[in-house]
Amino acid sequence: MRVTALNKAAARQITITIKRTALLLTCAALTCVAQAQPAPKYPVKPVRMLGGAFGSPSDTLARMLGPKLGEMWGQPVVIENRPGASGTIAANILAKAAPDGYTLLLISAQFPIGAAMHPNLPYDPIKDFAGVTQIGYSTSVLPVLPTLGPKTLKDFLAYAQARPGKIFYSSGGGGSATHIAAERFNFAAGIKAVHVGFKGTPDALLEVAGGRVQYCLVGLGAALSLIKDNRLLPLGVSTPKRSPLLPDVPSINEALPNFGRDGSHMLLAPANTPMAIRNQISRDVARVFDQADVKEKLAAQGYQSAPTTPVEHDKILREQIKDFGEIVKRLGLKSQ
């Protein structure tokens, strides 16, 4: 009797072990099948790329990048301009978009600047976004009206320093990259000027060309046509060395060694966008910037491309938010 009971117990244990083993093998087989499945094709429908004001450096980059990506993907990339509020309008749209790679945001340093300038944003600048790739850096230029008086950067510094609170500078909006760049210039030069913000870089340039404000500090690509038409006089560029496009124009650092401008253009996706999609977009963007005609166009605008992986870009984004936060605090800037 006792032996029979033991045999039955052993038999039940063997049966349980066999069932568990079969279950584990089934799960392992299903996992292998799932892993063997190819990743979903991307994209299978149009991709929406949000950007800043029409004609701004970000918009120019988007319109250069979008059609090239569309050719690679066999799907159109629709550029949608969403200017205003230092880029926070476009960023808020992206934060609420589906995390599927079909809504992207191309923006400049104004994204981390906005995070530093506006403590009550309708989104979290880190948690609500996923980095796709850094795009690169643009050269900024300080233009004035040719009839203003100063013909060199040294002359302009003397002109501005002698008129504290009586001269005006324009930007693409309070807290924008152009606002911060000009404030950093003012700080380095000891200039006290009145800020006038607009909806984008093009408007800021036109205000200088129209003589309603005295200067600005904006992307060279946006200002180049007005400079070539002699409607604006360039006095300095933001890069450590002179730009090949304006070899006779000095670097601002030549007169102000403590001046500097950080920040870059970037491509963002909503948080939780699959890494496989982010990696694909990052690789494809790098392929676009490696094309000869694109390189030529970028060089013509004084632009330096610097694509990264999504992981690298996430790190850069966090560093820029931290760095610009320190700059904003040091300068005592507040949201407008």
Protein backbone atom coordinates (compact mmCIF):
# COMPACT_ATOMS: atom_id res chain seq x y z
CA MET A 1 0.00 0.00 0.00
CA ARG A 2 2.75 2.41 1.05
CA VAL A 3 4.83 1.55 -2.04
CA THR A 4 1.85 2.06 -4.30
CA ALA A 5 1.20 5.52 -2.81
CA LEU A 6 4.81 6.47 -3.30
CA ASN A 7 4.71 5.31 -6.90
CA LYS A 8 1.59 7.38 -7.54
CA ALA A 9 3.17 10.47 -6.00
CA ALA A 10 6.29 10.01 -8.08
CA ALA A 11 4.19 9.58 -11.20
CA ARG A 12 2.29 12.82 -10.46
CA GLN A 13 5.58 14.68 -9.94
CA ILE A 14 6.93 13.37 -13.24
CA THR A 15 3.76 14.47 -15.01
CA ILE A 16 3.99 17.95 -13.49
CA THR A 17 7.65 18.19 -14.47
CA ILE A 18 6.89 17.14 -18.04
CA LYS A 19 4.09 19.72 -18.32
CA ARG A 20 6.29 22.49 -16.95
CA THR A 21 9.09 21.56 -19.30
CA ALA A 22 6.70 21.55 -22.25
CA LEU A 23 5.35 24.94 -21.23
CA LEU A 24 8.85 26.40 -20.96
CA LEU A 25 9.80 24.98 -24.34
CA THR A 26 6.64 26.43 -25.88
CA CYS A 27 7.35 29.86 -24.42
CA ALA A 28 10.93 29.71 -25.64
CA ALA A 29 9.77 28.73 -29.10
CA LEU A 30 7.25 31.58 -29.21
CA THR A 31 9.94 34.02 -28.06
CA CYS A 32 12.26 32.88 -30.82
CA VAL A 33 9.50 33.26 -33.39
CA ALA A 34 8.69 36.75 -32.11
CA GLN A 35 12.35 37.74 -32.21
CA ALA A 36 12.65 36.39 -35.71
CA GLN A 37 9.80 38.58 -36.93
CA PRO A 38 11.10 41.59 -38.90
CA ALA A 39 10.54 45.03 -37.35
CA PRO A 40 7.46 46.84 -38.68
CA LYS A 41 8.22 48.82 -41.81
CA TYR A 42 8.66 52.54 -41.26
CA PRO A 43 7.27 54.75 -42.59
CA VAL A 44 4.11 53.48 -44.25
CA LYS A 45 2.40 56.88 -44.35
CA PRO A 46 3.39 60.58 -44.54
CA VAL A 47 5.65 61.93 -41.80
CA ARG A 48 4.92 65.31 -40.24
CA MET A 49 7.94 67.49 -39.41
CA LEU A 50 7.23 70.52 -37.23
CA GLY A 51 9.46 73.58 -37.45
CA GLY A 52 9.77 77.25 -36.64
CA ALA A 53 8.92 80.37 -38.61
CA PHE A 54 9.00 80.17 -42.40
CA GLY A 55 12.45 81.18 -43.62
CA SER A 56 14.13 80.62 -40.25
CA PRO A 57 17.28 78.45 -40.04
CA SER A 58 15.23 75.58 -38.62
CA ASP A 59 12.71 75.87 -41.44
CA THR A 60 15.50 75.99 -44.04
CA LEU A 61 17.04 72.82 -42.61
CA ALA A 62 13.67 71.07 -42.47
CA ARG A 63 12.96 71.89 -46.11
CA MET A 64 16.39 70.62 -47.09
CA LEU A 65 16.09 67.43 -45.04
CA GLY A 66 12.41 66.57 -45.57
CA PRO A 67 12.38 65.95 -49.34
CA LYS A 68 15.57 63.87 -49.11
CA LEU A 69 14.10 61.67 -46.40
CA GLY A 70 10.90 61.41 -48.41
CA GLU A 71 12.88 60.06 -51.38
CA MET A 72 14.52 57.43 -49.18
CA TRP A 73 11.32 56.38 -47.49
CA GLY A 74 8.92 56.51 -50.41
CA GLN A 75 6.62 58.60 -48.23
CA PRO A 76 6.24 62.40 -48.19
CA VAL A 77 7.65 64.41 -45.29
CA VAL A 78 5.25 67.30 -44.69
CA ILE A 79 6.87 70.43 -43.25
CA GLU A 80 4.56 72.30 -40.89
CA ASN A 81 5.57 75.74 -39.58
CA ARG A 82 4.53 76.38 -35.98
CA PRO A 83 6.30 79.59 -34.88
CA GLY A 84 5.85 81.55 -31.71
CA ALA A 85 6.45 81.36 -27.95
CA SER A 86 10.14 80.54 -28.42
CA GLY A 87 9.34 77.19 -29.97
CA THR A 88 7.09 76.01 -27.16
CA ILE A 89 3.99 75.88 -29.40
CA ALA A 90 5.58 73.31 -31.70
CA ALA A 91 7.11 71.43 -28.78
CA ASN A 92 3.73 71.15 -27.06
CA ILE A 93 2.21 69.68 -30.21
CA LEU A 94 4.98 67.09 -30.36
CA ALA A 95 4.65 66.22 -26.67
CA LYS A 96 1.00 65.28 -27.25
CA ALA A 97 1.58 63.36 -30.50
CA ALA A 98 1.51 59.58 -30.80
CA PRO A 99 4.94 58.00 -30.15
CA ASP A 100 5.09 56.28 -33.51
CA GLY A 101 7.68 58.31 -35.44
CA TYR A 102 5.13 60.05 -37.63
CA THR A 103 5.44 63.42 -35.88
CA LEU A 104 8.92 64.91 -35.49
CA LEU A 105 10.22 68.30 -34.39
CA LEU A 106 13.20 70.11 -35.87
CA ILE A 107 14.23 72.95 -33.64
CA SER A 108 17.24 75.01 -32.64
CA ALA A 109 18.83 75.82 -29.31
CA GLN A 110 15.58 77.57 -28.40
CA PHE A 111 14.24 74.23 -27.15
CA PRO A 112 16.67 73.95 -24.19
CA ILE A 113 16.56 77.72 -23.79
CA GLY A 114 12.77 77.55 -23.50
CA ALA A 115 13.16 74.92 -20.81
CA ALA A 116 15.41 77.33 -18.89
CA MET A 117 13.33 80.46 -19.51
CA HIS A 118 9.84 79.10 -18.85
CA PRO A 119 9.45 77.11 -15.61
CA ASN A 120 5.72 76.44 -16.18
CA LEU A 121 5.76 74.78 -19.58
CA PRO A 122 2.82 72.56 -20.54
CA TYR A 123 5.30 69.68 -21.03
CA ASP A 124 8.39 68.23 -19.39
CA PRO A 125 11.40 69.08 -21.63
CA ILE A 126 13.11 65.80 -20.73
CA LYS A 127 10.42 63.24 -19.91
CA ASP A 128 8.04 64.09 -22.76
CA PHE A 129 10.59 63.84 -25.60
CA ALA A 130 13.01 61.38 -27.12
CA GLY A 131 16.14 62.45 -28.95
CA VAL A 132 16.49 61.29 -32.54
CA THR A 133 19.64 63.04 -33.69
CA GLN A 134 21.55 66.26 -33.34
CA ILE A 135 21.55 68.05 -36.70
CA GLY A 136 24.46 70.48 -36.35
CA TYR A 137 25.46 74.09 -35.77
CA SER A 138 24.88 77.35 -37.60
CA THR A 139 27.06 80.45 -37.80
CA SER A 140 25.47 83.60 -36.39
CA VAL A 141 26.13 87.12 -37.64
CA LEU A 142 25.70 90.57 -36.10
CA PRO A 143 24.25 92.89 -38.78
CA VAL A 144 23.38 96.58 -38.62
CA LEU A 145 21.89 99.07 -41.04
CA PRO A 146 24.69 100.38 -43.33
CA THR A 147 23.62 103.96 -42.57
CA LEU A 148 23.67 103.48 -38.78
CA GLY A 149 27.17 104.89 -38.51
CA PRO A 150 29.53 102.18 -37.16
CA LYS A 151 31.40 100.33 -39.90
CA THR A 152 33.38 97.91 -37.73
CA LEU A 153 32.66 95.80 -34.68
CA LYS A 154 34.97 98.00 -32.59
CA ASP A 155 33.08 101.11 -33.72
CA PHE A 156 29.75 99.47 -32.89
CA LEU A 157 30.88 98.52 -29.39
CA ALA A 158 31.83 102.14 -28.70
CA TYR A 159 28.55 103.33 -30.25
CA ALA A 160 26.41 100.99 -28.13
CA GLN A 161 28.34 101.46 -24.89
CA ALA A 162 27.89 105.23 -25.18
CA ARG A 163 24.07 104.82 -25.40
CA PRO A 164 22.97 102.67 -22.44
CA GLY A 165 19.27 101.88 -22.65
CA LYS A 166 18.83 103.96 -25.81
CA ILE A 167 19.42 101.39 -28.56
CA PHE A 168 17.29 98.40 -29.52
CA TYR A 169 18.00 94.88 -30.69
CA SER A 170 15.58 92.39 -32.21
CA SER A 171 15.24 88.63 -31.85
CA GLY A 172 13.04 85.76 -32.90
CA GLY A 173 11.12 86.06 -29.65
CA GLY A 174 11.68 86.28 -25.93
CA GLY A 175 13.76 83.31 -24.82
CA SER A 176 14.65 82.28 -28.38
CA ALA A 177 18.16 81.27 -29.40
CA THR A 178 18.61 84.66 -31.05
CA HIS A 179 17.51 86.40 -27.85
CA ILE A 180 19.99 84.46 -25.70
CA ALA A 181 22.79 84.93 -28.25
CA ALA A 182 22.28 88.70 -28.25
CA GLU A 183 22.07 88.81 -24.45
CA ARG A 184 25.34 86.90 -24.21
CA PHE A 185 26.87 89.40 -26.61
CA ASN A 186 25.53 92.32 -24.57
CA PHE A 187 26.85 90.78 -21.37
CA ALA A 188 30.32 90.22 -22.84
CA ALA A 189 30.41 93.72 -24.36
CA GLY A 190 28.96 95.60 -21.41
CA ILE A 191 26.06 96.86 -23.51
CA LYS A 192 22.66 97.81 -22.09
CA ALA A 193 20.10 97.64 -24.88
CA VAL A 194 16.34 97.20 -25.11
CA HIS A 195 15.05 93.86 -26.40
CA VAL A 196 12.26 93.70 -28.99
CA GLY A 197 11.03 90.17 -29.71
CA PHE A 198 9.24 88.99 -32.84
CA LYS A 199 7.74 85.72 -34.06
CA GLY A 200 10.84 84.56 -35.89
CA THR A 201 14.27 85.35 -37.29
CA PRO A 202 13.01 86.78 -40.62
CA ASP A 203 10.98 89.45 -38.81
CA ALA A 204 13.92 90.27 -36.55
CA LEU A 205 16.14 90.84 -39.61
CA LEU A 206 13.59 92.97 -41.41
CA GLU A 207 13.30 95.24 -38.36
CA VAL A 208 17.05 95.90 -38.54
CA ALA A 209 16.93 96.41 -42.31
CA GLY A 210 14.02 98.82 -41.83
CA GLY A 211 15.95 100.87 -39.29
CA ARG A 212 13.44 100.30 -36.49
CA VAL A 213 16.01 98.50 -34.30
CA GLN A 214 19.79 98.84 -34.38
CA TYR A 215 21.06 95.24 -34.44
CA CYS A 216 20.44 91.55 -33.90
CA LEU A 217 22.45 88.31 -33.73
CA VAL A 218 20.96 85.66 -36.01
CA GLY A 219 21.88 82.74 -38.25
CA LEU A 220 24.10 83.72 -41.16
CA GLY A 221 22.04 81.69 -43.61
CA ALA A 222 18.94 83.75 -42.84
CA ALA A 223 20.78 87.06 -43.18
CA LEU A 224 23.01 86.32 -46.16
CA SER A 225 20.69 87.52 -48.91
CA LEU A 226 20.13 90.88 -47.17
CA ILE A 227 23.89 91.21 -46.68
CA LYS A 228 24.60 90.46 -50.35
CA ASP A 229 22.00 93.05 -51.35
CA ASN A 230 23.80 95.60 -49.15
CA ARG A 231 20.68 96.07 -47.07
CA LEU A 232 22.58 94.94 -43.97
CA LEU A 233 26.20 95.43 -42.92
CA PRO A 234 27.78 92.43 -41.10
CA LEU A 235 30.07 93.42 -38.24
CA GLY A 236 30.97 90.06 -36.69
CA VAL A 237 30.30 86.30 -36.72
CA SER A 238 29.79 84.01 -33.75
CA THR A 239 32.26 81.28 -34.70
CA PRO A 240 35.77 81.24 -33.17
CA LYS A 241 37.21 81.69 -36.67
CA ARG A 242 36.03 83.83 -39.56
CA SER A 243 33.45 82.36 -41.91
CA PRO A 244 34.55 81.47 -45.46
CA LEU A 245 31.35 83.17 -46.61
CA LEU A 246 32.39 86.48 -45.03
CA PRO A 247 36.20 86.34 -44.89
CA ASP A 248 36.53 90.07 -44.26
CA VAL A 249 34.16 90.01 -41.27
CA PRO A 250 35.91 89.35 -37.94
CA SER A 251 34.88 86.81 -35.35
CA ILE A 252 33.20 88.45 -32.36
CA ASN A 253 35.73 86.58 -30.24
CA GLU A 254 38.49 88.71 -31.73
CA ALA A 255 37.07 91.73 -29.89
CA LEU A 256 35.33 89.88 -27.04
CA PRO A 257 37.26 86.75 -26.00
CA ASN A 258 34.66 85.95 -23.33
CA PHE A 259 31.83 85.73 -25.86
CA GLY A 260 30.51 82.33 -26.89
CA ARG A 261 27.38 80.74 -28.22
CA ASP A 262 26.39 77.15 -27.60
CA GLY A 263 23.45 75.17 -28.88
CA SER A 264 22.51 73.18 -31.93
CA HIS A 265 19.64 72.16 -34.16
CA MET A 266 18.05 68.88 -33.21
CA LEU A 267 15.40 66.39 -34.26
CA LEU A 268 13.03 65.17 -31.56
CA ALA A 269 10.26 62.60 -31.30
CA PRO A 270 7.61 62.07 -28.61
CA ALA A 271 8.67 60.09 -25.54
CA ASN A 272 8.34 56.30 -25.90
CA THR A 273 8.93 56.37 -29.66
CA PRO A 274 10.48 52.94 -30.39
CA MET A 275 14.27 52.96 -30.45
CA ALA A 276 14.27 51.02 -33.72
CA ILE A 277 12.43 53.89 -35.42
CA ARG A 278 14.62 56.53 -33.81
CA ASN A 279 17.76 54.69 -34.90
CA GLN A 280 16.49 54.39 -38.47
CA ILE A 281 15.68 58.10 -38.71
CA SER A 282 19.06 58.98 -37.19
CA ARG A 283 20.91 56.82 -39.73
CA ASP A 284 18.89 58.21 -42.62
CA VAL A 285 19.49 61.81 -41.54
CA ALA A 286 23.24 61.10 -41.48
CA ARG A 287 22.94 59.65 -45.00
CA VAL A 288 21.22 62.82 -46.19
CA PHE A 289 23.94 65.06 -44.79
CA ASP A 290 26.57 62.91 -46.45
CA GLN A 291 25.19 63.68 -49.92
CA ALA A 292 27.35 65.98 -52.02
CA ASP A 293 24.61 68.46 -52.94
CA VAL A 294 23.49 68.77 -49.33
CA LYS A 295 27.07 69.34 -48.16
CA GLU A 296 27.38 72.10 -50.75
CA LYS A 297 24.16 73.80 -49.62
CA LEU A 298 25.15 73.62 -45.96
CA ALA A 299 28.59 75.06 -46.67
CA ALA A 300 26.95 77.91 -48.59
CA GLN A 301 25.08 78.82 -45.40
CA GLY A 302 28.07 78.45 -43.09
CA TYR A 303 26.44 75.41 -41.48
CA GLN A 304 28.28 72.49 -39.85
CA SER A 305 26.40 69.20 -39.70
CA ALA A 306 27.00 66.91 -36.71
CA PRO A 307 24.53 63.98 -36.68
CA THR A 308 24.47 61.69 -33.64
CA THR A 309 22.78 58.53 -32.42
CA PRO A 310 19.59 58.90 -30.37
CA VAL A 311 21.42 57.92 -27.18
CA GLU A 312 24.13 60.52 -27.81
CA HIS A 313 21.51 63.11 -28.58
CA ASP A 314 19.58 62.44 -25.36
CA LYS A 315 22.79 63.19 -23.44
CA ILE A 316 23.45 66.37 -25.45
CA LEU A 317 19.90 67.59 -24.88
CA ARG A 318 20.17 67.16 -21.12
CA GLU A 319 23.53 68.95 -21.08
CA GLN A 320 22.16 71.87 -23.10
CA ILE A 321 19.14 72.25 -20.82
CA LYS A 322 21.50 72.39 -17.84
CA ASP A 323 23.96 74.79 -19.51
CA PHE A 324 21.31 77.22 -20.75
CA GLY A 325 19.64 77.14 -17.35
CA GLU A 326 22.87 78.42 -15.83
CA ILE A 327 23.18 81.14 -18.51
CA VAL A 328 19.60 82.32 -18.03
CA LYS A 329 20.11 82.48 -14.26
CA ARG A 330 23.40 84.37 -14.61
CA LEU A 331 21.89 86.94 -16.95
CA GLY A 332 18.76 87.28 -14.84
CA LEU A 333 16.48 86.64 -17.81
CA LYS A 334 12.81 85.98 -17.31
CA SER A 335 10.05 84.69 -19.58
CA GLN A 336 8.19 87.38 -21.49
